[in-house]
Amino acid sequence: MLYFMPNLQSVLNLNVNKPFSFMIRLVIVSCILFLTQGCATYKCNTPFICPDVKTIDYSNLDNWASHPGKKSNSDYVPNDQQPSPEKLPVDIFFIYPTTFTKLDASQPWNASISDKELNAKTQQSTLQFQASVFNTVGKIYAPYYRQAHLRAYYSTDKESCKQALDFAYKDVKDAFQYYLDHYNKGRPFIIASHSQGTTHARRLIKEFLDGKPLQHQLIAAYIVGLPIFKNEFNTIKLCENPDETGCFCTWRTYKEGTQPKIKDVNNIVAVTNPLSWTTGLAKVPASMQKGSILTDFNKTQRHSQSAQIAKGVLWTNKPKFKGSFLYLAHNYHIGDYNLFYLDIKENARLRALEYLEHQQKL
């Protein structure tokens, strides 16, 4: 099963003025997806070695991928969208997915946050195409962290995998604690994540929010791209309605009709339909969809994707873009946010407004 590939735009590095190059890249990506889906393990002969025990200084804005005090790709708004409404007095703490996929002998398990090439990749593929969903809602905080390499989800060396993910989580935890101590000032917030980010968000929610006083500041959590159980948390429940607050939303996107190799039990795995924002099993037609962003960030495709909860995942129709007939993957993990970009954007603002209105009545 494919996990943690970067955003489609980043993978393809599209140049629409060079259709032949475009088609070649599509074929290559489709082959990668097909091969990776059949991969059960990811071999690595280098055991985990702690890269650097030094705590990251999150008072330094350079160590934030997105922060209200600096410009980043999370500030981008598609050209075909209306000017952004005024931000609400809320925050978003965004934990990005794995972008560390290249083999590197100098850092075999965890990335360096001073890796300029990797940081640029993170900005373009995840801050721009995912975190920007929330830039009309509030202030976005997204820390750079020493993310685990892609192999941490495939290697047969399970102990090294665990250590690499634990090491990455410590950075996320430190960044969130710094955010709470210096930036939050009692404001309500959204937790948002994808892929590896969701691995860490799940732990963060359990440690800081679930059954804790801080839970009362949670507008909602969008923890996407990994299986999350309905009873994952003790006091934070799966969102059942579009304007519900203090709950979590989650889904994993597949081509309709696909049964993942890892079989899930419908009444155990949590799935949110990002078109209806309910957990009902009825198919929501594409006519109800607000809009996707695929290969071109500045072009919104409206009414392009249906959505239906089935077999513990979210089904949707095959996305349409230039050359998409060559796109053979059935796992749409890389598009979990992109396929429902405007739908997430509007829903996050709706929940934030609902939370603020409720607080005013207290």
Protein backbone atom coordinates (compact mmCIF):
# COMPACT_ATOMS: atom_id res chain seq x y z
CA MET A 1 0.00 0.00 0.00
CA LEU A 2 1.28 3.42 -0.91
CA TYR A 3 1.88 5.93 1.84
CA PHE A 4 3.59 9.26 2.14
CA MET A 5 4.31 10.13 -1.47
CA PRO A 6 4.61 13.90 -1.91
CA ASN A 7 1.87 15.93 -3.55
CA LEU A 8 1.01 15.12 -7.16
CA GLN A 9 2.24 18.52 -8.37
CA SER A 10 5.61 17.94 -6.71
CA VAL A 11 5.96 14.41 -8.03
CA LEU A 12 5.16 15.28 -11.61
CA ASN A 13 6.97 18.64 -11.65
CA LEU A 14 4.56 19.51 -14.42
CA ASN A 15 5.28 21.74 -17.36
CA VAL A 16 2.08 21.97 -19.36
CA ASN A 17 3.93 23.58 -22.23
CA LYS A 18 5.84 20.35 -22.75
CA PRO A 19 3.16 17.69 -23.24
CA PHE A 20 5.62 14.92 -24.08
CA SER A 21 7.55 15.54 -20.88
CA PHE A 22 4.25 15.63 -19.05
CA MET A 23 3.20 12.24 -20.39
CA ILE A 24 6.53 10.63 -19.59
CA ARG A 25 6.34 11.86 -16.00
CA LEU A 26 2.81 10.53 -15.68
CA VAL A 27 3.89 7.08 -16.87
CA ILE A 28 6.81 7.09 -14.42
CA VAL A 29 4.62 8.12 -11.50
CA SER A 30 2.01 5.49 -12.35
CA CYS A 31 4.73 2.83 -12.40
CA ILE A 32 6.06 4.02 -9.04
CA LEU A 33 2.58 3.90 -7.55
CA PHE A 34 1.93 0.42 -8.92
CA LEU A 35 5.22 -0.96 -7.67
CA THR A 36 4.96 0.68 -4.27
CA GLN A 37 1.47 -0.66 -3.71
CA GLY A 38 2.84 -4.18 -4.03
CA CYS A 39 5.67 -3.52 -1.58
CA ALA A 40 5.29 -5.09 1.85
CA THR A 41 8.69 -4.06 3.20
CA TYR A 42 11.34 -1.41 2.72
CA LYS A 43 14.77 -2.86 3.36
CA CYS A 44 17.49 -0.87 5.07
CA ASN A 45 20.70 -2.31 6.48
CA THR A 46 21.51 0.73 8.63
CA PRO A 47 20.06 0.54 12.15
CA PHE A 48 18.66 3.68 13.74
CA ILE A 49 21.27 6.06 15.10
CA CYS A 50 20.08 9.11 16.98
CA PRO A 51 21.01 11.94 14.57
CA ASP A 52 21.23 14.79 17.07
CA VAL A 53 19.88 15.03 20.61
CA LYS A 54 19.91 18.84 20.54
CA THR A 55 16.46 20.35 21.03
CA ILE A 56 15.26 22.53 18.18
CA ASP A 57 14.94 26.20 19.06
CA TYR A 58 11.40 27.10 18.06
CA SER A 59 11.90 30.71 19.08
CA ASN A 60 13.78 30.95 15.78
CA LEU A 61 11.30 31.55 12.94
CA ASP A 62 13.64 29.72 10.56
CA ASN A 63 12.56 26.54 12.31
CA TRP A 64 8.93 27.04 11.34
CA ALA A 65 7.70 26.00 7.91
CA SER A 66 4.70 28.27 8.44
CA HIS A 67 4.32 31.02 11.01
CA PRO A 68 2.29 34.26 11.12
CA GLY A 69 5.56 36.15 11.45
CA LYS A 70 6.98 34.98 8.09
CA LYS A 71 5.90 34.32 4.55
CA SER A 72 5.48 30.74 3.39
CA ASN A 73 3.70 28.72 0.72
CA SER A 74 0.81 28.19 3.13
CA ASP A 75 -0.14 31.83 2.42
CA TYR A 76 -0.92 31.10 -1.24
CA VAL A 77 -4.47 31.41 -2.55
CA PRO A 78 -5.46 30.03 -5.98
CA ASN A 79 -5.75 32.79 -8.57
CA ASP A 80 -9.30 31.79 -9.49
CA GLN A 81 -10.55 32.24 -5.92
CA GLN A 82 -12.10 35.34 -4.40
CA PRO A 83 -9.94 37.47 -2.07
CA SER A 84 -9.58 35.81 1.29
CA PRO A 85 -12.05 36.86 3.99
CA GLU A 86 -10.65 38.29 7.19
CA LYS A 87 -8.95 35.67 9.32
CA LEU A 88 -10.76 34.58 12.42
CA PRO A 89 -9.17 34.78 15.90
CA VAL A 90 -8.16 31.11 15.75
CA ASP A 91 -4.97 29.16 15.06
CA ILE A 92 -4.13 26.09 13.01
CA PHE A 93 -1.34 23.77 14.07
CA PHE A 94 -0.42 21.84 10.92
CA ILE A 95 1.85 18.77 10.86
CA TYR A 96 3.00 17.99 7.34
CA PRO A 97 3.47 14.51 5.82
CA THR A 98 6.65 12.73 4.80
CA THR A 99 8.65 14.57 2.17
CA PHE A 100 11.92 12.85 3.10
CA THR A 101 12.09 10.08 0.49
CA LYS A 102 15.60 10.24 -0.94
CA LEU A 103 18.23 7.85 0.38
CA ASP A 104 20.88 9.80 2.25
CA ALA A 105 23.78 8.06 4.01
CA SER A 106 24.38 11.12 6.19
CA GLN A 107 20.86 11.03 7.60
CA PRO A 108 19.49 7.52 6.98
CA TRP A 109 16.46 7.68 9.29
CA ASN A 110 15.57 11.28 10.14
CA ALA A 111 15.82 14.45 8.10
CA SER A 112 17.72 17.56 9.06
CA ILE A 113 15.61 20.71 9.35
CA SER A 114 18.50 22.64 7.79
CA ASP A 115 18.17 20.66 4.53
CA LYS A 116 17.24 23.51 2.18
CA GLU A 117 16.30 21.25 -0.72
CA LEU A 118 13.97 19.20 1.45
CA ASN A 119 12.45 22.29 3.04
CA ALA A 120 11.72 23.74 -0.40
CA LYS A 121 10.04 20.46 -1.35
CA THR A 122 7.96 20.60 1.83
CA GLN A 123 6.92 24.18 1.09
CA GLN A 124 5.82 23.45 -2.46
CA SER A 125 4.20 20.06 -2.03
CA THR A 126 2.54 20.21 1.39
CA LEU A 127 2.42 23.78 2.70
CA GLN A 128 1.06 25.09 -0.60
CA PHE A 129 -1.26 22.25 -1.55
CA GLN A 130 -2.43 21.23 1.91
CA ALA A 131 -1.83 23.74 4.72
CA SER A 132 -3.04 26.62 2.54
CA VAL A 133 -6.53 25.13 2.88
CA PHE A 134 -6.67 26.82 6.28
CA ASN A 135 -5.23 30.25 5.46
CA THR A 136 -8.69 31.85 5.22
CA VAL A 137 -9.55 30.52 8.68
CA GLY A 138 -6.77 31.67 10.98
CA LYS A 139 -3.05 31.81 11.68
CA ILE A 140 -1.11 28.74 10.55
CA TYR A 141 1.73 27.31 12.62
CA ALA A 142 3.65 24.43 11.03
CA PRO A 143 6.99 23.46 12.56
CA TYR A 144 9.86 21.98 10.63
CA TYR A 145 10.67 18.71 12.36
CA ARG A 146 13.21 15.96 11.90
CA GLN A 147 10.73 13.77 10.09
CA ALA A 148 11.29 10.04 9.76
CA HIS A 149 12.30 8.76 6.36
CA LEU A 150 9.71 7.02 4.20
CA ARG A 151 11.38 3.70 5.12
CA ALA A 152 10.06 4.05 8.66
CA TYR A 153 6.73 2.77 7.34
CA TYR A 154 8.14 -0.14 5.33
CA SER A 155 11.40 -1.38 6.84
CA THR A 156 11.60 -4.83 8.38
CA ASP A 157 13.68 -3.25 11.17
CA LYS A 158 10.65 -2.38 13.29
CA GLU A 159 12.66 -1.14 16.26
CA SER A 160 14.52 1.39 14.11
CA CYS A 161 11.22 2.46 12.56
CA LYS A 162 9.76 3.11 15.98
CA GLN A 163 12.82 5.03 17.15
CA ALA A 164 12.82 7.20 14.03
CA LEU A 165 9.14 8.08 14.47
CA ASP A 166 9.59 8.68 18.20
CA PHE A 167 12.49 11.01 17.45
CA ALA A 168 10.37 12.94 14.94
CA TYR A 169 7.46 13.16 17.37
CA LYS A 170 9.64 14.77 20.03
CA ASP A 171 10.22 17.73 17.72
CA VAL A 172 6.49 18.05 17.01
CA LYS A 173 5.76 17.87 20.72
CA ASP A 174 8.40 20.50 21.52
CA ALA A 175 7.03 22.80 18.82
CA PHE A 176 3.46 22.44 20.06
CA GLN A 177 4.54 23.14 23.62
CA TYR A 178 6.41 26.25 22.43
CA TYR A 179 3.31 27.32 20.51
CA LEU A 180 1.19 26.92 23.64
CA ASP A 181 3.66 28.78 25.85
CA HIS A 182 4.36 31.72 23.54
CA TYR A 183 1.74 32.09 20.79
CA ASN A 184 -1.59 30.56 21.71
CA LYS A 185 -2.69 32.94 24.50
CA GLY A 186 -5.95 31.06 25.02
CA ARG A 187 -7.08 31.12 21.38
CA PRO A 188 -9.11 28.23 19.98
CA PHE A 189 -7.25 26.09 17.46
CA ILE A 190 -7.48 23.41 14.80
CA ILE A 191 -5.10 20.45 14.63
CA ALA A 192 -4.50 19.40 11.01
CA SER A 193 -2.23 16.72 9.61
CA HIS A 194 -1.61 14.28 6.81
CA SER A 195 0.21 10.96 6.60
CA GLN A 196 3.26 10.93 8.88
CA GLY A 197 1.86 14.14 10.29
CA THR A 198 -1.18 12.16 11.41
CA THR A 199 1.06 9.61 13.14
CA HIS A 200 2.31 12.48 15.29
CA ALA A 201 -1.01 14.33 15.58
CA ARG A 202 -2.64 11.23 17.03
CA ARG A 203 -0.02 11.10 19.79
CA LEU A 204 -0.17 14.84 20.34
CA ILE A 205 -3.95 14.82 20.80
CA LYS A 206 -3.75 11.95 23.28
CA GLU A 207 -0.99 13.59 25.28
CA PHE A 208 -2.18 17.20 25.32
CA LEU A 209 -5.92 17.28 24.65
CA ASP A 210 -7.83 14.06 25.26
CA GLY A 211 -9.56 14.51 28.60
CA LYS A 212 -7.31 17.49 29.43
CA PRO A 213 -8.34 21.14 30.04
CA LEU A 214 -6.80 22.13 26.67
CA GLN A 215 -9.46 20.06 24.91
CA HIS A 216 -11.93 22.92 25.42
CA GLN A 217 -9.91 25.05 22.98
CA LEU A 218 -10.10 22.47 20.19
CA ILE A 219 -12.30 23.56 17.28
CA ALA A 220 -11.71 20.31 15.38
CA ALA A 221 -8.94 17.98 14.27
CA TYR A 222 -8.46 17.06 10.61
CA ILE A 223 -6.22 13.99 10.98
CA VAL A 224 -6.10 12.52 7.50
CA GLY A 225 -4.29 9.77 5.60
CA LEU A 226 -3.93 6.97 8.17
CA PRO A 227 -6.42 4.60 9.79
CA ILE A 228 -7.88 6.22 12.90
CA PHE A 229 -10.24 4.19 15.06
CA LYS A 230 -13.60 5.49 16.22
CA ASN A 231 -12.52 4.90 19.82
CA GLU A 232 -9.02 6.30 19.23
CA PHE A 233 -9.55 8.90 21.94
CA ASN A 234 -11.37 8.73 25.26
CA THR A 235 -13.29 12.00 25.13
CA ILE A 236 -12.78 13.36 21.60
CA LYS A 237 -15.31 11.82 19.24
CA LEU A 238 -15.61 11.46 15.49
CA CYS A 239 -17.41 14.45 13.94
CA GLU A 240 -20.95 13.53 12.87
CA ASN A 241 -22.16 16.89 11.52
CA PRO A 242 -20.62 19.69 9.39
CA ASP A 243 -20.72 22.31 12.15
CA GLU A 244 -19.83 20.10 15.12
CA THR A 245 -16.83 21.21 17.18
CA GLY A 246 -14.44 19.55 19.61
CA CYS A 247 -14.34 16.43 17.41
CA PHE A 248 -12.10 14.89 14.73
CA CYS A 249 -12.43 14.19 10.99
CA THR A 250 -10.46 11.54 9.13
CA TRP A 251 -10.43 9.69 5.82
CA ARG A 252 -8.21 7.80 3.36
CA THR A 253 -9.08 8.20 -0.31
CA TYR A 254 -9.28 5.37 -2.85
CA LYS A 255 -10.72 4.89 -6.30
CA GLU A 256 -14.31 3.76 -5.95
CA GLY A 257 -14.65 -0.01 -5.81
CA THR A 258 -11.19 -0.54 -4.31
CA GLN A 259 -10.69 -2.84 -1.34
CA PRO A 260 -7.41 -1.98 0.42
CA LYS A 261 -5.09 -4.90 1.08
CA ILE A 262 -5.20 -4.03 4.75
CA LYS A 263 -8.82 -4.86 5.43
CA ASP A 264 -10.62 -2.66 7.89
CA VAL A 265 -13.80 -3.36 9.79
CA ASN A 266 -16.37 -0.68 9.03
CA ASN A 267 -17.56 -0.30 12.60
CA ILE A 268 -14.02 0.12 13.97
CA VAL A 269 -12.21 2.45 11.54
CA ALA A 270 -13.39 6.05 11.56
CA VAL A 271 -14.17 7.69 8.21
CA THR A 272 -15.58 11.14 7.50
CA ASN A 273 -17.15 12.02 4.17
CA PRO A 274 -15.54 15.37 3.24
CA LEU A 275 -18.50 16.37 1.07
CA SER A 276 -21.33 15.80 3.54
CA TRP A 277 -19.16 15.96 6.67
CA THR A 278 -21.12 13.07 8.13
CA THR A 279 -20.43 9.37 8.58
CA GLY A 280 -23.38 8.20 6.49
CA LEU A 281 -22.74 5.52 3.88
CA ALA A 282 -24.75 7.13 1.10
CA LYS A 283 -22.76 8.30 -1.92
CA VAL A 284 -22.51 12.07 -2.22
CA PRO A 285 -22.47 13.06 -5.91
CA ALA A 286 -19.83 15.26 -7.48
CA SER A 287 -22.46 17.97 -7.95
CA MET A 288 -22.17 18.59 -4.20
CA GLN A 289 -18.41 19.07 -4.27
CA LYS A 290 -17.02 22.61 -3.88
CA GLY A 291 -13.73 22.06 -5.70
CA SER A 292 -10.43 20.23 -6.14
CA ILE A 293 -6.93 21.45 -6.87
CA LEU A 294 -4.85 18.95 -8.82
CA THR A 295 -1.87 19.66 -11.05
CA ASP A 296 -2.35 23.42 -11.27
CA PHE A 297 -2.65 25.20 -7.94
CA ASN A 298 -4.27 28.21 -9.57
CA LYS A 299 -7.07 26.27 -11.25
CA THR A 300 -9.95 24.91 -9.23
CA GLN A 301 -11.91 21.97 -10.62
CA ARG A 302 -15.47 22.22 -9.36
CA HIS A 303 -17.97 19.39 -9.06
CA SER A 304 -15.31 16.87 -10.05
CA GLN A 305 -15.29 14.34 -7.20
CA SER A 306 -17.96 12.20 -5.59
CA ALA A 307 -17.41 10.70 -2.15
CA GLN A 308 -18.67 7.58 -0.40
CA ILE A 309 -17.64 5.81 2.79
CA ALA A 310 -17.09 2.11 2.09
CA LYS A 311 -15.00 -0.71 3.56
CA GLY A 312 -13.28 1.54 6.10
CA VAL A 313 -12.04 4.07 3.51
CA LEU A 314 -13.37 6.88 1.32
CA TRP A 315 -14.21 6.11 -2.29
CA THR A 316 -14.14 8.70 -5.07
CA ASN A 317 -14.11 8.66 -8.85
CA LYS A 318 -10.86 8.84 -10.78
CA PRO A 319 -9.65 12.46 -10.98
CA LYS A 320 -9.53 13.97 -14.45
CA PHE A 321 -6.54 15.96 -15.62
CA LYS A 322 -4.43 16.10 -18.73
CA GLY A 323 -3.02 12.60 -19.28
CA SER A 324 -5.00 11.09 -16.40
CA PHE A 325 -5.81 8.01 -18.48
CA LEU A 326 -2.24 6.92 -17.73
CA TYR A 327 -2.69 7.36 -13.98
CA LEU A 328 -3.25 3.77 -12.82
CA ALA A 329 -3.13 4.05 -9.05
CA HIS A 330 -6.19 3.12 -7.02
CA ASN A 331 -4.83 4.65 -3.81
CA TYR A 332 -5.37 8.42 -3.88
CA HIS A 333 -3.42 9.06 -0.69
CA ILE A 334 -1.49 11.92 -2.28
CA GLY A 335 -4.79 13.69 -2.97
CA ASP A 336 -6.49 13.31 0.41
CA TYR A 337 -6.52 17.09 0.83
CA ASN A 338 -6.30 18.24 -2.79
CA LEU A 339 -9.34 16.33 -4.03
CA PHE A 340 -11.54 18.14 -1.52
CA TYR A 341 -9.59 21.38 -1.19
CA LEU A 342 -12.43 23.92 -1.17
CA ASP A 343 -14.68 21.60 0.81
CA ILE A 344 -12.15 21.42 3.63
CA LYS A 345 -11.53 25.16 3.43
CA GLU A 346 -15.22 26.01 3.84
CA ASN A 347 -15.83 23.41 6.51
CA ALA A 348 -12.92 24.54 8.67
CA ARG A 349 -14.21 28.10 8.60
CA LEU A 350 -17.75 26.92 9.39
CA ARG A 351 -16.57 24.99 12.45
CA ALA A 352 -14.44 27.92 13.61
CA LEU A 353 -17.38 30.32 13.31
CA GLU A 354 -19.62 27.89 15.16
CA TYR A 355 -17.07 27.56 17.96
CA LEU A 356 -16.66 31.33 18.30
CA GLU A 357 -20.40 31.92 18.29
CA HIS A 358 -20.89 29.33 21.00
CA GLN A 359 -18.15 30.90 23.12
CA GLN A 360 -19.83 34.31 22.88
CA LYS A 361 -23.02 32.84 24.33
CA LEU A 362 -21.25 31.47 27.39
